[in-house]
Amino acid sequence: MTQSSESSEKFEKPAAVRRKKGFILLGCVVLVCAVAWGIYWFFWGSYFIETDNAYTAVEVAQVTPSTGGTVQEVRVVDTQRVKEGEILVVIDEVDARLALAQAKADAEHAVAELAIAESDYARAKIDLKRRQALVRDGSVSGDELTRAQNAFSSGKASIQAAKAAIEQAKARVDQAEVDFGRTTVRAPVDGVVAKRSVQVGQRVAAGDVLLSVVPVQEMHVNANFKEGQLERVRAGQKAKLYADLYGSSVIYTGIVEGFSGGTGSAFAIIPAQNATGNWIKVVQRLPVRIRLDPEELKANPLSVGLSMTVTVDTRDAP
């Protein structure tokens, strides 16, 4: 063996030893990391489930008039904040005022009719008593007595009918007063005005949607978790959330309120037909409703439909 070969072998052996030590060290690092991850997952990570398939939602209040008429005034615009009871729309009250006046006049007429009926009844009652007293000595015929009895019965029935007419007239007055008050349309809840479609001068009917009020202070989140994530999720558990609008620097505290009655595909307009030969299993997602803290919403308001990232702590299972 030449001197150069011996020198080359001397350099190759230490290099192979270093590579072997490096692989062993790398393996040890991977093993330690795997063990550490396993410990973390077993004692901590497995108790938290997360999804970014989540969106803000709220029960929007639609504002509709209870009486028809011509819109006289619109006092709000889209994005405007309103308080419960605040006037939103005013409908011309002329028709309602005339209807109220007519109802009151009908009620007065019904009272007058009752007075006439009572007078006729009193007269028929006296007339009947007289004829009953004279019928014994034959001064009054049987036909006259019968007519008197019929008049008495008719008068009594007229009083009952007049009283019923008064009740009906009073009910129409009450309804007309209610309709008169309904010409002023007020906010049903606190919130933000959205989808305003009503304009001044527009003729509206009872039940027409004029605008919507979004109660942003009652916002919640619909988090769509995979079905395999929900084994340990229970109502009452705590959640942490953040919105793409503010980023992870703003964290919201939430509480799991409940689960939807079905998956999104089950409530689709055209649900999937799985009873076919070309069936492929698709992991379903179930909406989970999470309540947000009103004070946190006040500090950092959200709008309907914003994307959220949700993490639920399943350690506490009520």
Protein backbone atom coordinates (compact mmCIF):
# COMPACT_ATOMS: atom_id res chain seq x y z
CA MET A 1 0.00 0.00 0.00
CA THR A 2 1.35 3.34 -0.93
CA GLN A 3 1.80 6.24 1.39
CA SER A 4 -0.99 8.27 -0.30
CA SER A 5 -3.52 5.43 0.21
CA GLU A 6 -2.72 5.18 3.88
CA SER A 7 -3.16 8.94 4.26
CA SER A 8 -6.58 8.84 2.49
CA GLU A 9 -7.84 6.06 4.81
CA LYS A 10 -6.83 8.08 7.85
CA PHE A 11 -9.00 10.99 6.71
CA GLU A 12 -12.03 8.83 5.65
CA LYS A 13 -12.42 6.99 8.97
CA PRO A 14 -12.94 10.13 11.13
CA ALA A 15 -15.43 11.50 8.56
CA ALA A 16 -17.50 8.31 8.67
CA VAL A 17 -17.48 8.40 12.45
CA ARG A 18 -18.69 12.02 12.41
CA ARG A 19 -21.52 11.20 9.98
CA LYS A 20 -22.59 8.28 12.13
CA LYS A 21 -22.60 10.44 15.24
CA GLY A 22 -24.57 13.09 13.36
CA PHE A 23 -27.26 10.59 12.31
CA ILE A 24 -27.48 9.27 15.87
CA LEU A 25 -27.78 12.81 17.22
CA LEU A 26 -30.46 13.66 14.64
CA GLY A 27 -32.37 10.51 15.53
CA CYS A 28 -32.20 11.38 19.21
CA VAL A 29 -33.49 14.89 18.51
CA VAL A 30 -36.37 13.52 16.42
CA LEU A 31 -37.18 10.97 19.12
CA VAL A 32 -37.12 13.60 21.87
CA CYS A 33 -39.32 15.91 19.80
CA ALA A 34 -41.76 13.08 19.10
CA VAL A 35 -41.92 12.13 22.77
CA ALA A 36 -42.35 15.78 23.78
CA TRP A 37 -45.11 16.22 21.21
CA GLY A 38 -46.80 13.04 22.40
CA ILE A 39 -46.67 14.19 26.01
CA TYR A 40 -47.99 17.63 25.04
CA TRP A 41 -50.80 16.11 22.95
CA PHE A 42 -51.79 13.57 25.61
CA PHE A 43 -51.82 15.95 28.56
CA TRP A 44 -52.83 19.21 26.82
CA GLY A 45 -53.26 19.48 23.07
CA SER A 46 -55.85 16.74 22.68
CA TYR A 47 -58.27 18.69 24.89
CA PHE A 48 -58.48 21.61 22.46
CA ILE A 49 -60.25 21.49 19.10
CA GLU A 50 -59.92 24.25 16.53
CA THR A 51 -61.55 25.35 13.29
CA ASP A 52 -61.32 28.37 11.03
CA ASN A 53 -64.61 27.41 9.35
CA ALA A 54 -66.62 29.73 11.59
CA TYR A 55 -68.65 32.87 10.97
CA THR A 56 -70.45 35.49 13.02
CA ALA A 57 -74.26 35.46 13.01
CA VAL A 58 -77.21 37.08 14.76
CA GLU A 59 -81.01 36.97 14.79
CA VAL A 60 -81.76 39.97 12.59
CA ALA A 61 -84.96 41.88 13.45
CA GLN A 62 -87.02 42.75 10.39
CA VAL A 63 -89.01 45.96 10.76
CA THR A 64 -92.51 45.80 9.24
CA PRO A 65 -95.50 48.12 9.68
CA SER A 66 -98.66 46.79 11.29
CA THR A 67 -100.81 49.19 9.27
CA GLY A 68 -100.64 50.41 5.71
CA GLY A 69 -100.29 53.93 4.38
CA THR A 70 -97.99 56.43 2.71
CA VAL A 71 -94.54 56.89 4.24
CA GLN A 72 -94.26 60.45 5.50
CA GLU A 73 -90.83 60.34 7.09
CA VAL A 74 -87.80 58.05 7.30
CA ARG A 75 -85.47 58.95 10.16
CA VAL A 76 -82.64 56.44 9.75
CA VAL A 77 -80.08 55.32 7.19
CA ASP A 78 -78.06 52.14 6.76
CA THR A 79 -75.23 51.62 9.32
CA GLN A 80 -76.95 53.95 11.83
CA ARG A 81 -77.10 52.73 15.43
CA VAL A 82 -80.55 52.85 17.05
CA LYS A 83 -82.02 52.14 20.46
CA GLU A 84 -85.08 50.03 21.21
CA GLY A 85 -88.19 52.19 20.89
CA GLU A 86 -86.51 54.83 18.72
CA ILE A 87 -88.69 56.13 15.84
CA LEU A 88 -87.57 54.75 12.48
CA VAL A 89 -90.41 55.47 10.06
CA VAL A 90 -93.53 57.64 10.23
CA ILE A 91 -96.57 56.73 8.12
CA ASP A 92 -99.09 59.39 7.14
CA GLU A 93 -101.74 59.25 9.87
CA VAL A 94 -104.63 60.80 7.92
CA ASP A 95 -106.27 57.47 7.02
CA ALA A 96 -105.79 56.12 10.54
CA ARG A 97 -107.22 59.32 12.07
CA LEU A 98 -110.31 59.13 9.85
CA ALA A 99 -110.80 55.46 10.70
CA LEU A 100 -110.58 56.29 14.40
CA ALA A 101 -113.12 59.09 14.07
CA GLN A 102 -115.49 56.78 12.19
CA ALA A 103 -115.12 54.08 14.85
CA LYS A 104 -115.90 56.57 17.62
CA ALA A 105 -118.97 57.81 15.72
CA ASP A 106 -120.17 54.22 15.29
CA ALA A 107 -119.71 53.65 19.03
CA GLU A 108 -121.80 56.73 19.85
CA HIS A 109 -124.49 55.55 17.44
CA ALA A 110 -124.54 52.15 19.12
CA VAL A 111 -125.05 53.80 22.51
CA ALA A 112 -127.98 55.78 21.09
CA GLU A 113 -129.49 52.61 19.65
CA LEU A 114 -129.28 51.01 23.08
CA ALA A 115 -131.15 53.90 24.62
CA ILE A 116 -133.94 53.55 22.03
CA ALA A 117 -134.07 49.79 22.61
CA GLU A 118 -134.34 50.26 26.37
CA SER A 119 -137.15 52.79 25.92
CA ASP A 120 -139.07 50.45 23.62
CA TYR A 121 -138.56 47.62 26.07
CA ALA A 122 -139.84 49.64 29.00
CA ARG A 123 -142.94 50.63 27.01
CA ALA A 124 -143.55 47.02 25.93
CA LYS A 125 -143.18 45.84 29.53
CA ILE A 126 -145.79 48.30 30.82
CA ASP A 127 -148.15 47.50 27.95
CA LEU A 128 -147.87 43.77 28.65
CA LYS A 129 -148.67 44.24 32.36
CA ARG A 130 -151.79 46.27 31.49
CA ARG A 131 -153.10 43.65 29.06
CA GLN A 132 -152.39 40.84 31.49
CA ALA A 133 -154.51 42.64 34.08
CA LEU A 134 -157.40 43.18 31.62
CA VAL A 135 -157.39 39.74 30.08
CA ARG A 136 -159.15 38.24 33.14
CA ASP A 137 -162.41 40.19 32.61
CA GLY A 138 -162.33 39.76 28.86
CA SER A 139 -161.47 43.42 28.05
CA VAL A 140 -158.43 42.29 26.02
CA SER A 141 -158.52 39.58 23.40
CA GLY A 142 -156.01 36.78 23.23
CA ASP A 143 -154.53 38.22 20.02
CA GLU A 144 -153.80 41.54 21.71
CA LEU A 145 -152.11 39.80 24.61
CA THR A 146 -150.00 37.75 22.19
CA ARG A 147 -148.91 40.89 20.34
CA ALA A 148 -147.96 42.52 23.64
CA GLN A 149 -145.95 39.49 24.68
CA ASN A 150 -144.16 39.45 21.31
CA ALA A 151 -143.36 43.15 21.61
CA PHE A 152 -141.96 42.57 25.10
CA SER A 153 -139.75 39.68 23.90
CA SER A 154 -138.65 41.67 20.85
CA GLY A 155 -137.71 44.64 23.02
CA LYS A 156 -135.67 42.43 25.34
CA ALA A 157 -133.83 40.92 22.36
CA SER A 158 -133.21 44.40 20.92
CA ILE A 159 -131.49 45.42 24.15
CA GLN A 160 -129.19 42.39 23.99
CA ALA A 161 -128.39 43.13 20.34
CA ALA A 162 -127.71 46.80 21.11
CA LYS A 163 -125.35 45.86 23.96
CA ALA A 164 -123.48 43.47 21.65
CA ALA A 165 -123.25 46.22 19.02
CA ILE A 166 -121.75 48.55 21.63
CA GLU A 167 -119.11 45.94 22.52
CA GLN A 168 -118.24 45.54 18.87
CA ALA A 169 -118.09 49.29 18.38
CA LYS A 170 -115.77 49.65 21.38
CA ALA A 171 -113.52 46.92 19.94
CA ARG A 172 -113.37 48.81 16.62
CA VAL A 173 -112.45 51.99 18.49
CA ASP A 174 -109.67 50.16 20.34
CA GLN A 175 -108.38 48.69 17.09
CA ALA A 176 -108.51 52.09 15.38
CA GLU A 177 -106.54 53.64 18.25
CA VAL A 178 -103.95 50.87 17.98
CA ASP A 179 -103.69 51.37 14.21
CA PHE A 180 -103.34 55.11 14.76
CA GLY A 181 -100.45 54.51 17.15
CA ARG A 182 -98.85 52.10 14.69
CA THR A 183 -98.33 54.84 12.13
CA THR A 184 -95.13 55.45 14.07
CA VAL A 185 -92.77 52.52 13.45
CA ARG A 186 -90.17 52.04 16.19
CA ALA A 187 -87.02 49.95 16.59
CA PRO A 188 -87.81 46.56 18.15
CA VAL A 189 -84.27 46.13 19.56
CA ASP A 190 -80.98 47.96 19.98
CA GLY A 191 -78.77 47.52 16.94
CA VAL A 192 -77.53 48.78 13.59
CA VAL A 193 -79.82 49.61 10.67
CA ALA A 194 -79.29 47.47 7.57
CA LYS A 195 -81.01 46.76 4.23
CA ARG A 196 -83.16 49.89 4.33
CA SER A 197 -85.50 49.78 1.35
CA VAL A 198 -88.25 52.20 2.42
CA GLN A 199 -88.42 55.71 0.93
CA VAL A 200 -90.47 58.81 1.66
CA GLY A 201 -93.70 58.82 -0.35
CA GLN A 202 -93.76 55.06 -0.76
CA ARG A 203 -97.09 53.32 -0.26
CA VAL A 204 -96.61 50.40 2.12
CA ALA A 205 -98.92 47.66 3.32
CA ALA A 206 -99.01 45.88 6.65
CA GLY A 207 -96.25 43.29 6.72
CA ASP A 208 -93.96 44.88 4.12
CA VAL A 209 -90.27 44.73 5.14
CA LEU A 210 -89.03 48.30 5.48
CA LEU A 211 -85.55 47.66 6.90
CA SER A 212 -83.66 45.43 9.30
CA VAL A 213 -82.06 46.08 12.67
CA VAL A 214 -78.99 43.98 13.46
CA PRO A 215 -78.52 43.55 17.25
CA VAL A 216 -74.72 43.43 17.05
CA GLN A 217 -74.46 43.31 20.84
CA GLU A 218 -76.08 39.84 20.70
CA MET A 219 -73.69 38.43 18.09
CA HIS A 220 -72.79 34.74 18.23
CA VAL A 221 -70.56 32.46 16.16
CA ASN A 222 -71.51 29.38 14.18
CA ALA A 223 -68.39 27.19 14.23
CA ASN A 224 -68.49 24.30 11.74
CA PHE A 225 -66.46 21.51 13.34
CA LYS A 226 -65.75 18.18 11.70
CA GLU A 227 -67.90 15.40 13.12
CA GLY A 228 -64.82 13.58 14.41
CA GLN A 229 -63.87 16.58 16.56
CA LEU A 230 -67.06 16.72 18.59
CA GLU A 231 -66.80 13.63 20.78
CA ARG A 232 -65.95 15.58 23.93
CA VAL A 233 -67.62 18.90 23.13
CA ARG A 234 -70.45 19.85 25.49
CA ALA A 235 -72.65 22.90 26.04
CA GLY A 236 -71.15 25.25 28.61
CA GLN A 237 -67.51 24.70 27.65
CA LYS A 238 -65.27 27.73 27.14
CA ALA A 239 -63.88 28.86 23.82
CA LYS A 240 -61.33 31.35 22.56
CA LEU A 241 -61.98 33.14 19.29
CA TYR A 242 -60.43 35.76 17.08
CA ALA A 243 -61.68 37.46 13.93
CA ASP A 244 -59.81 38.02 10.69
CA LEU A 245 -61.01 41.62 10.99
CA TYR A 246 -58.78 42.31 14.02
CA GLY A 247 -56.36 39.41 13.85
CA SER A 248 -55.11 37.25 16.72
CA SER A 249 -54.26 40.32 18.80
CA VAL A 250 -57.95 40.62 19.82
CA ILE A 251 -59.18 37.50 21.59
CA TYR A 252 -62.85 36.94 22.39
CA THR A 253 -64.14 34.67 25.16
CA GLY A 254 -67.04 32.44 24.22
CA ILE A 255 -69.29 29.74 25.67
CA VAL A 256 -70.60 26.74 23.75
CA GLU A 257 -74.41 27.11 23.70
CA GLY A 258 -75.48 24.11 21.67
CA PHE A 259 -75.37 22.12 18.46
CA SER A 260 -77.33 22.43 15.27
CA GLY A 261 -80.02 19.86 14.60
CA GLY A 262 -78.26 18.71 11.45
CA THR A 263 -75.22 19.14 9.24
CA GLY A 264 -75.00 21.73 6.51
CA SER A 265 -75.48 19.15 3.79
CA ALA A 266 -78.62 17.82 5.46
CA PHE A 267 -80.25 21.26 5.29
CA ALA A 268 -79.06 22.02 1.76
CA ILE A 269 -81.68 22.85 -0.86
CA ILE A 270 -80.62 19.75 -2.75
CA PRO A 271 -79.32 17.31 -0.10
CA ALA A 272 -76.75 14.71 -1.06
CA GLN A 273 -78.18 11.37 -2.19
CA ASN A 274 -75.88 8.82 -0.60
CA ALA A 275 -77.96 5.78 -1.56
CA THR A 276 -76.24 5.44 -4.92
CA GLY A 277 -73.63 3.10 -6.31
CA ASN A 278 -71.06 5.89 -6.73
CA TRP A 279 -70.99 6.79 -3.04
CA ILE A 280 -67.91 8.48 -1.57
CA LYS A 281 -67.76 9.23 2.14
CA VAL A 282 -67.30 12.92 2.88
CA VAL A 283 -66.52 14.14 6.39
CA GLN A 284 -69.45 16.26 7.54
CA ARG A 285 -69.36 19.43 9.57
CA LEU A 286 -71.84 20.27 12.31
CA PRO A 287 -72.51 23.90 13.28
CA VAL A 288 -71.82 24.64 16.94
CA ARG A 289 -73.29 27.85 18.36
CA ILE A 290 -70.92 29.87 20.57
CA ARG A 291 -72.10 32.85 22.60
CA LEU A 292 -69.83 35.91 22.76
CA ASP A 293 -69.31 38.30 25.66
CA PRO A 294 -71.35 41.53 25.12
CA GLU A 295 -68.70 43.64 26.85
CA GLU A 296 -66.01 42.32 24.52
CA LEU A 297 -68.29 42.99 21.55
CA LYS A 298 -68.80 46.53 22.78
CA ALA A 299 -65.05 47.07 22.88
CA ASN A 300 -64.43 45.41 19.50
CA PRO A 301 -67.68 45.29 17.47
CA LEU A 302 -68.28 42.61 14.86
CA SER A 303 -70.56 42.46 11.83
CA VAL A 304 -72.59 39.56 10.52
CA GLY A 305 -70.73 37.05 8.36
CA LEU A 306 -67.15 37.77 9.45
CA SER A 307 -64.67 34.90 9.48
CA MET A 308 -63.57 33.61 12.88
CA THR A 309 -61.08 31.10 14.24
CA VAL A 310 -62.42 29.12 17.18
CA THR A 311 -60.68 26.95 19.79
CA VAL A 312 -62.84 25.03 22.28
CA ASP A 313 -61.45 23.80 25.60
CA THR A 314 -63.01 20.37 26.18
CA ARG A 315 -61.41 19.76 29.57
CA ASP A 316 -64.50 21.00 31.37
CA ALA A 317 -67.43 18.80 30.41
CA PRO A 318 -70.58 19.85 32.29
